[in-house]
Amino acid sequence: MLPEWVVFSGDRVRRDADGFLYHLGRFDELIKTSGYRVSPAEIEAALLGVAEVDECVVFGQDDEALGQRIVAVLAGANVRTGGGPAAEGLNASVLRQCRQQLPAFMVPARLVWHGPSLPRNPNGKFDRSALKARYAP
């Protein structure tokens, strides 16, 4: 019997009846944008340095030109949702701070203010799949 090799690549695959593997996606949340691989954690760390941001989740949204564009869903106790001039000014401030800390390709293309806190799954982690389904249709 030959030894079986296992490779932990971070890719999700399925094997069909003939033994062929089909790529389904990745276990990690890497974003591929403008030819770069971007870790959401790096962007989230920069966003958490902004005074008004208490919680955030970053993910990629399909984009024809970029591959994926970066979307940041933000929560802050003292921030109202709904848009308007105040929200536009806050978004400009957040993006300005991101541009000071991150390379241009890592600056979010879209900011969404969710409310005072982000939803969590039963394990207590941010419910990334629910946020992605809601804000990146």
N, C-alpha and C. Protein backbone atom coordinates (compact mmCIF):
# COMPACT_ATOMS: atom_id res chain seq x y z
N MET A 1 0.84 -1.18 0.00
CA MET A 1 0.00 0.00 0.00
C MET A 1 0.89 1.24 0.00
N LEU A 2 0.60 2.17 -0.90
CA LEU A 2 1.36 3.41 -0.99
C LEU A 2 0.92 4.39 0.08
N PRO A 3 1.85 5.19 0.59
CA PRO A 3 1.45 6.19 1.58
C PRO A 3 0.57 7.26 0.93
N GLU A 4 -0.32 7.83 1.70
CA GLU A 4 -1.20 8.87 1.22
C GLU A 4 -0.64 10.21 1.66
N TRP A 5 -0.59 11.17 0.76
CA TRP A 5 -0.07 12.49 1.06
C TRP A 5 -1.23 13.43 1.35
N VAL A 6 -1.06 14.27 2.34
CA VAL A 6 -2.06 15.27 2.69
C VAL A 6 -1.37 16.63 2.66
N VAL A 7 -2.00 17.57 1.98
CA VAL A 7 -1.47 18.93 1.90
C VAL A 7 -2.52 19.88 2.45
N PHE A 8 -2.14 20.68 3.43
CA PHE A 8 -3.05 21.67 4.00
C PHE A 8 -2.76 23.01 3.33
N SER A 9 -3.52 23.29 2.28
CA SER A 9 -3.25 24.48 1.47
C SER A 9 -4.17 25.64 1.81
N GLY A 10 -5.23 25.39 2.56
CA GLY A 10 -6.22 26.43 2.81
C GLY A 10 -7.33 26.44 1.77
N ASP A 11 -7.24 25.55 0.79
CA ASP A 11 -8.27 25.46 -0.24
C ASP A 11 -9.33 24.45 0.17
N ARG A 12 -10.58 24.76 -0.21
CA ARG A 12 -11.68 23.81 -0.02
C ARG A 12 -11.89 23.09 -1.34
N VAL A 13 -11.93 21.78 -1.29
CA VAL A 13 -12.12 20.99 -2.51
C VAL A 13 -13.14 19.89 -2.23
N ARG A 14 -13.67 19.34 -3.31
CA ARG A 14 -14.48 18.13 -3.19
C ARG A 14 -13.94 17.13 -4.20
N ARG A 15 -14.08 15.86 -3.88
CA ARG A 15 -13.61 14.79 -4.75
C ARG A 15 -14.84 14.09 -5.34
N ASP A 16 -14.84 13.92 -6.66
CA ASP A 16 -15.96 13.21 -7.28
C ASP A 16 -15.72 11.70 -7.25
N ALA A 17 -16.66 10.94 -7.80
CA ALA A 17 -16.58 9.47 -7.76
C ALA A 17 -15.35 8.93 -8.48
N ASP A 18 -14.82 9.70 -9.46
CA ASP A 18 -13.64 9.26 -10.20
C ASP A 18 -12.33 9.71 -9.55
N GLY A 19 -12.43 10.40 -8.43
CA GLY A 19 -11.23 10.84 -7.74
C GLY A 19 -10.74 12.23 -8.13
N PHE A 20 -11.46 12.91 -9.04
CA PHE A 20 -11.06 14.26 -9.43
C PHE A 20 -11.42 15.26 -8.33
N LEU A 21 -10.54 16.23 -8.13
CA LEU A 21 -10.77 17.26 -7.13
C LEU A 21 -11.30 18.52 -7.79
N TYR A 22 -12.26 19.17 -7.14
CA TYR A 22 -12.85 20.42 -7.65
C TYR A 22 -12.67 21.49 -6.60
N HIS A 23 -12.10 22.60 -7.03
CA HIS A 23 -11.82 23.72 -6.12
C HIS A 23 -13.11 24.45 -5.80
N LEU A 24 -13.43 24.62 -4.51
CA LEU A 24 -14.66 25.28 -4.08
C LEU A 24 -14.42 26.66 -3.48
N GLY A 25 -13.21 26.95 -3.12
CA GLY A 25 -12.90 28.22 -2.48
C GLY A 25 -11.79 28.04 -1.48
N ARG A 26 -11.66 29.02 -0.56
CA ARG A 26 -10.61 28.95 0.44
C ARG A 26 -11.21 28.96 1.83
N PHE A 27 -10.49 28.32 2.76
CA PHE A 27 -10.91 28.35 4.15
C PHE A 27 -10.62 29.72 4.76
N ASP A 28 -9.51 30.31 4.39
CA ASP A 28 -9.20 31.63 4.92
C ASP A 28 -10.01 32.66 4.15
N GLU A 29 -9.90 33.87 4.53
CA GLU A 29 -10.69 34.92 3.93
C GLU A 29 -9.85 35.86 3.07
N LEU A 30 -8.75 35.36 2.52
CA LEU A 30 -7.90 36.22 1.70
C LEU A 30 -8.69 36.88 0.58
N ILE A 31 -8.39 38.13 0.34
CA ILE A 31 -9.04 38.89 -0.73
C ILE A 31 -8.02 39.04 -1.84
N LYS A 32 -8.43 38.77 -3.06
CA LYS A 32 -7.56 38.99 -4.21
C LYS A 32 -8.07 40.23 -4.94
N THR A 33 -7.29 41.31 -4.87
CA THR A 33 -7.69 42.57 -5.47
C THR A 33 -6.52 43.19 -6.21
N SER A 34 -6.76 43.61 -7.41
CA SER A 34 -5.74 44.28 -8.23
C SER A 34 -4.46 43.46 -8.34
N GLY A 35 -4.57 42.15 -8.32
CA GLY A 35 -3.41 41.28 -8.42
C GLY A 35 -2.69 41.03 -7.11
N TYR A 36 -3.20 41.56 -6.01
CA TYR A 36 -2.59 41.39 -4.69
C TYR A 36 -3.44 40.45 -3.85
N ARG A 37 -2.78 39.72 -2.95
CA ARG A 37 -3.47 38.93 -1.94
C ARG A 37 -3.47 39.76 -0.66
N VAL A 38 -4.65 40.01 -0.15
CA VAL A 38 -4.79 40.90 1.00
C VAL A 38 -5.46 40.15 2.15
N SER A 39 -4.88 40.26 3.31
CA SER A 39 -5.47 39.66 4.50
C SER A 39 -6.46 40.66 5.12
N PRO A 40 -7.71 40.25 5.31
CA PRO A 40 -8.67 41.15 5.96
C PRO A 40 -8.20 41.59 7.35
N ALA A 41 -7.45 40.75 8.03
CA ALA A 41 -6.99 41.08 9.38
C ALA A 41 -6.13 42.35 9.40
N GLU A 42 -5.31 42.54 8.37
CA GLU A 42 -4.48 43.74 8.32
C GLU A 42 -5.32 45.00 8.19
N ILE A 43 -6.35 44.93 7.37
CA ILE A 43 -7.23 46.08 7.17
C ILE A 43 -8.06 46.31 8.43
N GLU A 44 -8.55 45.23 9.03
CA GLU A 44 -9.33 45.35 10.25
C GLU A 44 -8.51 45.98 11.37
N ALA A 45 -7.24 45.65 11.46
CA ALA A 45 -6.37 46.24 12.48
C ALA A 45 -6.25 47.75 12.29
N ALA A 46 -6.11 48.17 11.03
CA ALA A 46 -6.03 49.61 10.76
C ALA A 46 -7.35 50.30 11.09
N LEU A 47 -8.46 49.67 10.74
CA LEU A 47 -9.77 50.27 11.02
C LEU A 47 -10.04 50.36 12.51
N LEU A 48 -9.59 49.39 13.27
CA LEU A 48 -9.80 49.42 14.72
C LEU A 48 -8.97 50.51 15.39
N GLY A 49 -8.03 51.08 14.67
CA GLY A 49 -7.27 52.22 15.18
C GLY A 49 -8.00 53.53 15.04
N VAL A 50 -9.14 53.53 14.36
CA VAL A 50 -9.96 54.73 14.19
C VAL A 50 -10.89 54.84 15.40
N ALA A 51 -10.91 56.00 16.02
CA ALA A 51 -11.64 56.17 17.28
C ALA A 51 -13.11 55.77 17.21
N GLU A 52 -13.77 56.06 16.11
CA GLU A 52 -15.21 55.79 16.00
C GLU A 52 -15.55 54.33 15.73
N VAL A 53 -14.55 53.53 15.36
CA VAL A 53 -14.78 52.13 14.99
C VAL A 53 -14.53 51.23 16.21
N ASP A 54 -15.61 50.56 16.66
CA ASP A 54 -15.48 49.62 17.77
C ASP A 54 -15.29 48.18 17.29
N GLU A 55 -15.95 47.84 16.18
CA GLU A 55 -15.87 46.50 15.61
C GLU A 55 -15.88 46.62 14.09
N CYS A 56 -15.26 45.66 13.42
CA CYS A 56 -15.29 45.68 11.96
C CYS A 56 -15.05 44.29 11.40
N VAL A 57 -15.58 44.09 10.21
CA VAL A 57 -15.36 42.87 9.44
C VAL A 57 -15.07 43.31 8.01
N VAL A 58 -14.03 42.76 7.43
CA VAL A 58 -13.63 43.10 6.07
C VAL A 58 -13.71 41.85 5.21
N PHE A 59 -14.23 42.00 4.00
CA PHE A 59 -14.32 40.88 3.07
C PHE A 59 -14.24 41.41 1.64
N GLY A 60 -14.07 40.49 0.71
CA GLY A 60 -14.02 40.84 -0.70
C GLY A 60 -15.36 40.65 -1.37
N GLN A 61 -15.66 41.56 -2.28
CA GLN A 61 -16.88 41.47 -3.09
C GLN A 61 -16.44 41.39 -4.54
N ASP A 62 -17.01 40.46 -5.30
CA ASP A 62 -16.62 40.30 -6.70
C ASP A 62 -16.71 41.61 -7.46
N ASP A 63 -15.69 41.85 -8.28
CA ASP A 63 -15.61 43.07 -9.08
C ASP A 63 -14.92 42.72 -10.39
N GLU A 64 -15.52 43.09 -11.51
CA GLU A 64 -14.97 42.72 -12.82
C GLU A 64 -13.57 43.29 -13.05
N ALA A 65 -13.37 44.53 -12.65
CA ALA A 65 -12.09 45.19 -12.93
C ALA A 65 -10.99 44.78 -11.95
N LEU A 66 -11.33 44.63 -10.67
CA LEU A 66 -10.33 44.39 -9.62
C LEU A 66 -10.17 42.92 -9.25
N GLY A 67 -11.10 42.08 -9.61
CA GLY A 67 -11.16 40.71 -9.10
C GLY A 67 -12.08 40.69 -7.90
N GLN A 68 -11.70 41.41 -6.87
CA GLN A 68 -12.55 41.66 -5.71
C GLN A 68 -12.30 43.08 -5.24
N ARG A 69 -13.33 43.71 -4.75
CA ARG A 69 -13.14 45.01 -4.10
C ARG A 69 -13.33 44.81 -2.61
N ILE A 70 -12.70 45.65 -1.85
CA ILE A 70 -12.68 45.49 -0.39
C ILE A 70 -13.87 46.23 0.22
N VAL A 71 -14.64 45.50 1.01
CA VAL A 71 -15.79 46.05 1.72
C VAL A 71 -15.52 45.94 3.21
N ALA A 72 -15.75 47.01 3.94
CA ALA A 72 -15.60 47.01 5.39
C ALA A 72 -16.94 47.31 6.02
N VAL A 73 -17.41 46.42 6.88
CA VAL A 73 -18.62 46.63 7.65
C VAL A 73 -18.18 47.05 9.04
N LEU A 74 -18.65 48.21 9.47
CA LEU A 74 -18.16 48.83 10.69
C LEU A 74 -19.27 48.97 11.72
N ALA A 75 -18.90 48.98 12.97
CA ALA A 75 -19.84 49.24 14.06
C ALA A 75 -19.17 50.18 15.04
N GLY A 76 -19.97 51.09 15.56
CA GLY A 76 -19.48 52.03 16.56
C GLY A 76 -20.62 52.45 17.46
N ALA A 77 -20.37 52.49 18.74
CA ALA A 77 -21.42 52.81 19.72
C ALA A 77 -21.99 54.20 19.51
N ASN A 78 -21.17 55.14 19.05
CA ASN A 78 -21.62 56.52 18.92
C ASN A 78 -21.90 56.92 17.48
N VAL A 79 -22.14 55.93 16.60
CA VAL A 79 -22.36 56.22 15.19
C VAL A 79 -23.78 55.85 14.82
N ARG A 80 -24.44 56.76 14.11
CA ARG A 80 -25.79 56.48 13.62
C ARG A 80 -25.69 55.98 12.19
N THR A 81 -26.54 55.01 11.85
CA THR A 81 -26.58 54.51 10.49
C THR A 81 -27.60 55.34 9.70
N GLY A 82 -27.58 55.23 8.39
CA GLY A 82 -28.59 55.90 7.58
C GLY A 82 -28.03 56.90 6.59
N GLY A 83 -26.76 57.16 6.61
CA GLY A 83 -26.18 58.06 5.62
C GLY A 83 -26.33 59.52 6.00
N GLY A 84 -26.34 60.38 5.00
CA GLY A 84 -26.42 61.81 5.21
C GLY A 84 -25.04 62.43 5.31
N PRO A 85 -25.01 63.76 5.44
CA PRO A 85 -23.72 64.47 5.48
C PRO A 85 -22.80 64.03 6.62
N ALA A 86 -23.36 63.74 7.78
CA ALA A 86 -22.51 63.32 8.91
C ALA A 86 -21.81 62.00 8.59
N ALA A 87 -22.56 61.06 8.01
CA ALA A 87 -21.97 59.76 7.65
C ALA A 87 -20.91 59.92 6.56
N GLU A 88 -21.17 60.79 5.60
CA GLU A 88 -20.20 61.02 4.53
C GLU A 88 -18.91 61.61 5.10
N GLY A 89 -19.02 62.53 6.04
CA GLY A 89 -17.84 63.10 6.68
C GLY A 89 -17.07 62.06 7.48
N LEU A 90 -17.80 61.20 8.18
CA LEU A 90 -17.17 60.14 8.95
C LEU A 90 -16.46 59.17 8.02
N ASN A 91 -17.10 58.78 6.92
CA ASN A 91 -16.47 57.88 5.96
C ASN A 91 -15.20 58.49 5.40
N ALA A 92 -15.25 59.77 5.08
CA ALA A 92 -14.06 60.45 4.55
C ALA A 92 -12.93 60.42 5.58
N SER A 93 -13.27 60.62 6.84
CA SER A 93 -12.27 60.59 7.91
C SER A 93 -11.67 59.19 8.06
N VAL A 94 -12.51 58.16 8.03
CA VAL A 94 -12.04 56.78 8.16
C VAL A 94 -11.12 56.44 6.99
N LEU A 95 -11.55 56.78 5.77
CA LEU A 95 -10.73 56.48 4.59
C LEU A 95 -9.41 57.25 4.61
N ARG A 96 -9.43 58.48 5.08
CA ARG A 96 -8.19 59.27 5.19
C ARG A 96 -7.20 58.57 6.13
N GLN A 97 -7.70 58.08 7.26
CA GLN A 97 -6.83 57.39 8.21
C GLN A 97 -6.32 56.07 7.63
N CYS A 98 -7.17 55.38 6.87
CA CYS A 98 -6.74 54.13 6.22
C CYS A 98 -5.62 54.42 5.22
N ARG A 99 -5.76 55.49 4.44
CA ARG A 99 -4.74 55.84 3.44
C ARG A 99 -3.41 56.18 4.09
N GLN A 100 -3.43 56.67 5.33
CA GLN A 100 -2.20 56.98 6.04
C GLN A 100 -1.49 55.71 6.52
N GLN A 101 -2.23 54.64 6.74
CA GLN A 101 -1.66 53.42 7.32
C GLN A 101 -1.51 52.26 6.34
N LEU A 102 -2.26 52.30 5.24
CA LEU A 102 -2.31 51.14 4.35
C LEU A 102 -1.89 51.52 2.93
N PRO A 103 -1.34 50.57 2.17
CA PRO A 103 -1.10 50.83 0.75
C PRO A 103 -2.44 51.05 0.04
N ALA A 104 -2.42 51.74 -1.06
CA ALA A 104 -3.64 52.10 -1.77
C ALA A 104 -4.52 50.90 -2.10
N PHE A 105 -3.91 49.77 -2.48
CA PHE A 105 -4.70 48.60 -2.87
C PHE A 105 -5.42 47.95 -1.69
N MET A 106 -5.06 48.35 -0.45
CA MET A 106 -5.70 47.77 0.74
C MET A 106 -6.77 48.68 1.34
N VAL A 107 -6.94 49.87 0.81
CA VAL A 107 -7.94 50.80 1.34
C VAL A 107 -9.32 50.33 0.88
N PRO A 108 -10.27 50.19 1.81
CA PRO A 108 -11.60 49.71 1.42
C PRO A 108 -12.24 50.57 0.34
N ALA A 109 -12.90 49.89 -0.59
CA ALA A 109 -13.63 50.59 -1.65
C ALA A 109 -15.02 51.00 -1.16
N ARG A 110 -15.49 50.31 -0.13
CA ARG A 110 -16.84 50.58 0.39
C ARG A 110 -16.84 50.44 1.90
N LEU A 111 -17.41 51.42 2.58
CA LEU A 111 -17.62 51.36 4.03
C LEU A 111 -19.11 51.29 4.30
N VAL A 112 -19.50 50.39 5.19
CA VAL A 112 -20.90 50.25 5.57
C VAL A 112 -20.97 50.31 7.08
N TRP A 113 -21.78 51.22 7.61
CA TRP A 113 -21.97 51.29 9.06
C TRP A 113 -23.17 50.45 9.42
N HIS A 114 -22.95 49.42 10.20
CA HIS A 114 -24.00 48.46 10.54
C HIS A 114 -24.85 48.92 11.73
N GLY A 115 -24.26 49.55 12.67
CA GLY A 115 -24.95 49.95 13.90
C GLY A 115 -23.99 49.93 15.06
N PRO A 116 -24.48 49.79 16.27
CA PRO A 116 -23.60 49.84 17.43
C PRO A 116 -22.73 48.59 17.61
N SER A 117 -23.17 47.45 17.08
CA SER A 117 -22.37 46.23 17.18
C SER A 117 -22.67 45.31 16.01
N LEU A 118 -21.75 44.39 15.74
CA LEU A 118 -21.90 43.45 14.64
C LEU A 118 -22.47 42.13 15.16
N PRO A 119 -23.23 41.42 14.32
CA PRO A 119 -23.79 40.14 14.75
C PRO A 119 -22.70 39.09 14.96
N ARG A 120 -22.96 38.19 15.87
CA ARG A 120 -22.01 37.11 16.17
C ARG A 120 -22.70 35.76 15.99
N ASN A 121 -21.88 34.75 15.70
CA ASN A 121 -22.41 33.40 15.57
C ASN A 121 -22.45 32.74 16.95
N PRO A 122 -22.96 31.52 17.06
CA PRO A 122 -23.04 30.87 18.38
C PRO A 122 -21.69 30.69 19.08
N ASN A 123 -20.59 30.72 18.32
CA ASN A 123 -19.26 30.60 18.92
C ASN A 123 -18.73 31.93 19.45
N GLY A 124 -19.50 33.00 19.24
CA GLY A 124 -19.07 34.31 19.72
C GLY A 124 -18.22 35.08 18.73
N LYS A 125 -17.96 34.50 17.56
CA LYS A 125 -17.17 35.19 16.53
C LYS A 125 -18.11 36.01 15.65
N PHE A 126 -17.55 37.01 14.99
CA PHE A 126 -18.38 37.80 14.08
C PHE A 126 -18.98 36.89 13.02
N ASP A 127 -20.22 37.10 12.69
CA ASP A 127 -20.91 36.28 11.69
C ASP A 127 -20.59 36.83 10.30
N ARG A 128 -19.39 36.50 9.82
CA ARG A 128 -18.91 37.01 8.53
C ARG A 128 -19.83 36.63 7.38
N SER A 129 -20.32 35.39 7.40
CA SER A 129 -21.16 34.94 6.28
C SER A 129 -22.47 35.73 6.24
N ALA A 130 -23.07 36.03 7.38
CA ALA A 130 -24.30 36.82 7.41
C ALA A 130 -24.04 38.24 6.93
N LEU A 131 -22.94 38.82 7.37
CA LEU A 131 -22.61 40.19 6.94
C LEU A 131 -22.31 40.24 5.46
N LYS A 132 -21.59 39.25 4.97
CA LYS A 132 -21.27 39.21 3.54
C LYS A 132 -22.54 39.03 2.72
N ALA A 133 -23.44 38.17 3.17
CA ALA A 133 -24.70 37.96 2.44
C ALA A 133 -25.54 39.23 2.42
N ARG A 134 -25.50 39.99 3.51
CA ARG A 134 -26.30 41.20 3.59
C ARG A 134 -25.72 42.37 2.80
N TYR A 135 -24.40 42.52 2.85
CA TYR A 135 -23.79 43.72 2.28
C TYR A 135 -23.02 43.48 0.98
N ALA A 136 -22.91 42.26 0.52
CA ALA A 136 -22.23 42.00 -0.75
C ALA A 136 -23.07 41.02 -1.58
N PRO A 137 -24.25 41.47 -2.01
CA PRO A 137 -25.14 40.56 -2.75
C PRO A 137 -24.56 40.13 -4.07
